[in-house]
Amino acid sequence: MNLTTEQRGGVAIVRIGETRLMYPLLSEFASTVSGLLAAGQHQILIDLSTVTYVDSATIGCFMDLYRQTSAAGGRLKLSGVQKRVETMLNLTGAQNFLEIHHDEPEAVRSFGS
């Protein structure tokens, strides 16, 4: 999986370099985010700017990571969400829990870092 992480202020940014985020790729993605949480990083931004498709397993994964992050006292947010992905988030109700930002700078500022 094409996945990178970087720090910007107190925010860990997880960049997904795939156009399709689906079940076979979720294990590595979820492990990366869980590892950040275990290391004490509780402000996490998922950059989806290259992702044009997600499946239902991905939405479930986002929700599980949201619960883990919230339980750790942190916040998980999404940026660069493409229209098709946003539609999936809206159809499933995930947008009621996941904070979505149009671009990365806006999202990083929203953490207050």
C-alpha atoms as a PDB file:
ATOM      1  CA  MET A   1       0.000   0.000   0.000  1.00  0.00           C
ATOM      2  CA  ASN A   2       1.224   3.479  -0.842  1.00  0.00           C
ATOM      3  CA  LEU A   3       0.979   5.171   2.562  1.00  0.00           C
ATOM      4  CA  THR A   4       3.094   7.851   4.236  1.00  0.00           C
ATOM      5  CA  THR A   5       2.929   9.737   7.515  1.00  0.00           C
ATOM      6  CA  GLU A   6       4.306  13.098   8.553  1.00  0.00           C
ATOM      7  CA  GLN A   7       4.022  15.509  11.450  1.00  0.00           C
ATOM      8  CA  ARG A   8       2.776  19.055  11.088  1.00  0.00           C
ATOM      9  CA  GLY A   9       2.732  20.767  14.443  1.00  0.00           C
ATOM     10  CA  GLY A  10       0.918  18.434  16.800  1.00  0.00           C
ATOM     11  CA  VAL A  11      -0.972  16.714  13.981  1.00  0.00           C
ATOM     12  CA  ALA A  12      -0.027  13.370  12.443  1.00  0.00           C
ATOM     13  CA  ILE A  13      -0.959  13.347   8.760  1.00  0.00           C
ATOM     14  CA  VAL A  14      -1.554   9.977   7.127  1.00  0.00           C
ATOM     15  CA  ARG A  15      -1.388  10.291   3.345  1.00  0.00           C
ATOM     16  CA  ILE A  16      -3.005   7.596   1.254  1.00  0.00           C
ATOM     17  CA  GLY A  17      -1.426   7.339  -2.183  1.00  0.00           C
ATOM     18  CA  GLU A  18      -3.971   4.933  -3.634  1.00  0.00           C
ATOM     19  CA  THR A  19      -6.926   5.835  -5.839  1.00  0.00           C
ATOM     20  CA  ARG A  20      -9.048   3.013  -4.414  1.00  0.00           C
ATOM     21  CA  LEU A  21      -9.097   2.308  -0.689  1.00  0.00           C
ATOM     22  CA  MET A  22     -10.727  -1.087  -0.222  1.00  0.00           C
ATOM     23  CA  TYR A  23     -10.762  -4.085   2.087  1.00  0.00           C
ATOM     24  CA  PRO A  24      -7.470  -5.708   0.984  1.00  0.00           C
ATOM     25  CA  LEU A  25      -5.549  -2.514   1.878  1.00  0.00           C
ATOM     26  CA  LEU A  26      -7.242  -1.724   5.173  1.00  0.00           C
ATOM     27  CA  SER A  27      -5.068  -3.831   7.465  1.00  0.00           C
ATOM     28  CA  GLU A  28      -1.935  -1.793   6.794  1.00  0.00           C
ATOM     29  CA  PHE A  29      -3.861   1.484   6.932  1.00  0.00           C
ATOM     30  CA  ALA A  30      -5.572   0.634  10.242  1.00  0.00           C
ATOM     31  CA  SER A  31      -2.294  -0.617  11.734  1.00  0.00           C
ATOM     32  CA  THR A  32      -0.586   2.644  10.835  1.00  0.00           C
ATOM     33  CA  VAL A  33      -3.250   4.768  12.518  1.00  0.00           C
ATOM     34  CA  SER A  34      -3.444   2.444  15.546  1.00  0.00           C
ATOM     35  CA  GLY A  35       0.352   2.640  15.834  1.00  0.00           C
ATOM     36  CA  LEU A  36       0.186   6.437  15.928  1.00  0.00           C
ATOM     37  CA  LEU A  37      -2.389   6.236  18.711  1.00  0.00           C
ATOM     38  CA  ALA A  38      -0.278   3.735  20.655  1.00  0.00           C
ATOM     39  CA  ALA A  39       2.698   6.110  20.325  1.00  0.00           C
ATOM     40  CA  GLY A  40       0.663   8.884  21.964  1.00  0.00           C
ATOM     41  CA  GLN A  41      -0.294  10.800  18.826  1.00  0.00           C
ATOM     42  CA  HIS A  42      -3.953  11.718  19.269  1.00  0.00           C
ATOM     43  CA  GLN A  43      -4.523  14.381  16.598  1.00  0.00           C
ATOM     44  CA  ILE A  44      -4.760  12.482  13.316  1.00  0.00           C
ATOM     45  CA  LEU A  45      -5.580  13.737   9.844  1.00  0.00           C
ATOM     46  CA  ILE A  46      -6.262  11.305   7.003  1.00  0.00           C
ATOM     47  CA  ASP A  47      -5.408  12.858   3.616  1.00  0.00           C
ATOM     48  CA  LEU A  48      -7.719  11.311   1.015  1.00  0.00           C
ATOM     49  CA  SER A  49      -6.912  13.703  -1.824  1.00  0.00           C
ATOM     50  CA  THR A  50      -5.861  10.888  -4.194  1.00  0.00           C
ATOM     51  CA  VAL A  51      -8.655   8.481  -3.188  1.00  0.00           C
ATOM     52  CA  THR A  52     -11.570   8.388  -5.629  1.00  0.00           C
ATOM     53  CA  TYR A  53     -13.310   5.246  -4.325  1.00  0.00           C
ATOM     54  CA  VAL A  54     -13.918   3.587  -0.966  1.00  0.00           C
ATOM     55  CA  ASP A  55     -15.935   0.489  -0.158  1.00  0.00           C
ATOM     56  CA  SER A  56     -18.178  -0.203   2.830  1.00  0.00           C
ATOM     57  CA  ALA A  57     -15.328  -1.920   4.680  1.00  0.00           C
ATOM     58  CA  THR A  58     -13.349   1.317   4.445  1.00  0.00           C
ATOM     59  CA  ILE A  59     -16.226   3.290   5.955  1.00  0.00           C
ATOM     60  CA  GLY A  60     -16.363   0.751   8.782  1.00  0.00           C
ATOM     61  CA  CYS A  61     -12.608   1.070   9.246  1.00  0.00           C
ATOM     62  CA  PHE A  62     -12.889   4.872   9.442  1.00  0.00           C
ATOM     63  CA  MET A  63     -15.578   4.532  12.099  1.00  0.00           C
ATOM     64  CA  ASP A  64     -13.519   2.046  14.117  1.00  0.00           C
ATOM     65  CA  LEU A  65     -10.488   4.365  13.989  1.00  0.00           C
ATOM     66  CA  TYR A  66     -12.734   7.279  14.966  1.00  0.00           C
ATOM     67  CA  ARG A  67     -13.881   5.326  18.052  1.00  0.00           C
ATOM     68  CA  GLN A  68     -10.300   4.387  18.962  1.00  0.00           C
ATOM     69  CA  THR A  69      -9.106   7.969  18.582  1.00  0.00           C
ATOM     70  CA  SER A  70     -12.019   9.375  20.585  1.00  0.00           C
ATOM     71  CA  ALA A  71     -11.478   6.808  23.349  1.00  0.00           C
ATOM     72  CA  ALA A  72      -7.842   7.950  23.551  1.00  0.00           C
ATOM     73  CA  GLY A  73      -8.993  11.571  23.962  1.00  0.00           C
ATOM     74  CA  GLY A  74      -8.015  12.536  20.439  1.00  0.00           C
ATOM     75  CA  ARG A  75      -9.561  13.609  17.172  1.00  0.00           C
ATOM     76  CA  LEU A  76      -9.572  11.982  13.737  1.00  0.00           C
ATOM     77  CA  LYS A  77     -10.364  14.153  10.718  1.00  0.00           C
ATOM     78  CA  LEU A  78     -10.404  13.743   6.936  1.00  0.00           C
ATOM     79  CA  SER A  79      -9.136  16.128   4.262  1.00  0.00           C
ATOM     80  CA  GLY A  80      -9.137  16.225   0.476  1.00  0.00           C
ATOM     81  CA  VAL A  81     -12.286  14.115   0.252  1.00  0.00           C
ATOM     82  CA  GLN A  82     -13.326  13.598  -3.377  1.00  0.00           C
ATOM     83  CA  LYS A  83     -17.013  13.956  -4.302  1.00  0.00           C
ATOM     84  CA  ARG A  84     -17.616  10.220  -4.816  1.00  0.00           C
ATOM     85  CA  VAL A  85     -16.053   9.400  -1.427  1.00  0.00           C
ATOM     86  CA  GLU A  86     -18.032  12.191   0.233  1.00  0.00           C
ATOM     87  CA  THR A  87     -21.219  10.704  -1.220  1.00  0.00           C
ATOM     88  CA  MET A  88     -20.383   7.329   0.380  1.00  0.00           C
ATOM     89  CA  LEU A  89     -19.724   9.019   3.728  1.00  0.00           C
ATOM     90  CA  ASN A  90     -23.056  10.841   3.478  1.00  0.00           C
ATOM     91  CA  LEU A  91     -25.019   7.742   2.457  1.00  0.00           C
ATOM     92  CA  THR A  92     -23.715   5.785   5.432  1.00  0.00           C
ATOM     93  CA  GLY A  93     -24.056   8.622   7.950  1.00  0.00           C
ATOM     94  CA  ALA A  94     -20.324   8.578   8.684  1.00  0.00           C
ATOM     95  CA  GLN A  95     -20.112  12.334   8.014  1.00  0.00           C
ATOM     96  CA  ASN A  96     -22.069  12.798  11.267  1.00  0.00           C
ATOM     97  CA  PHE A  97     -19.001  11.556  13.140  1.00  0.00           C
ATOM     98  CA  LEU A  98     -16.036  12.247  10.874  1.00  0.00           C
ATOM     99  CA  GLU A  99     -15.045  15.879  10.473  1.00  0.00           C
ATOM    100  CA  ILE A 100     -14.360  16.564   6.789  1.00  0.00           C
ATOM    101  CA  HIS A 101     -12.201  19.429   5.491  1.00  0.00           C
ATOM    102  CA  HIS A 102     -11.688  20.452   1.870  1.00  0.00           C
ATOM    103  CA  ASP A 103      -7.939  20.853   2.127  1.00  0.00           C
ATOM    104  CA  GLU A 104      -5.057  19.986   4.398  1.00  0.00           C
ATOM    105  CA  PRO A 105      -4.126  23.489   5.642  1.00  0.00           C
ATOM    106  CA  GLU A 106      -7.725  24.106   6.727  1.00  0.00           C
ATOM    107  CA  ALA A 107      -7.848  20.730   8.465  1.00  0.00           C
ATOM    108  CA  VAL A 108      -4.548  21.258  10.302  1.00  0.00           C
ATOM    109  CA  ARG A 109      -5.719  24.680  11.505  1.00  0.00           C
ATOM    110  CA  SER A 110      -8.939  23.113  12.799  1.00  0.00           C
ATOM    111  CA  PHE A 111      -6.947  21.100  15.334  1.00  0.00           C
ATOM    112  CA  GLY A 112      -5.748  24.364  16.861  1.00  0.00           C
ATOM    113  CA  SER A 113      -2.095  23.349  16.578  1.00  0.00           C
END
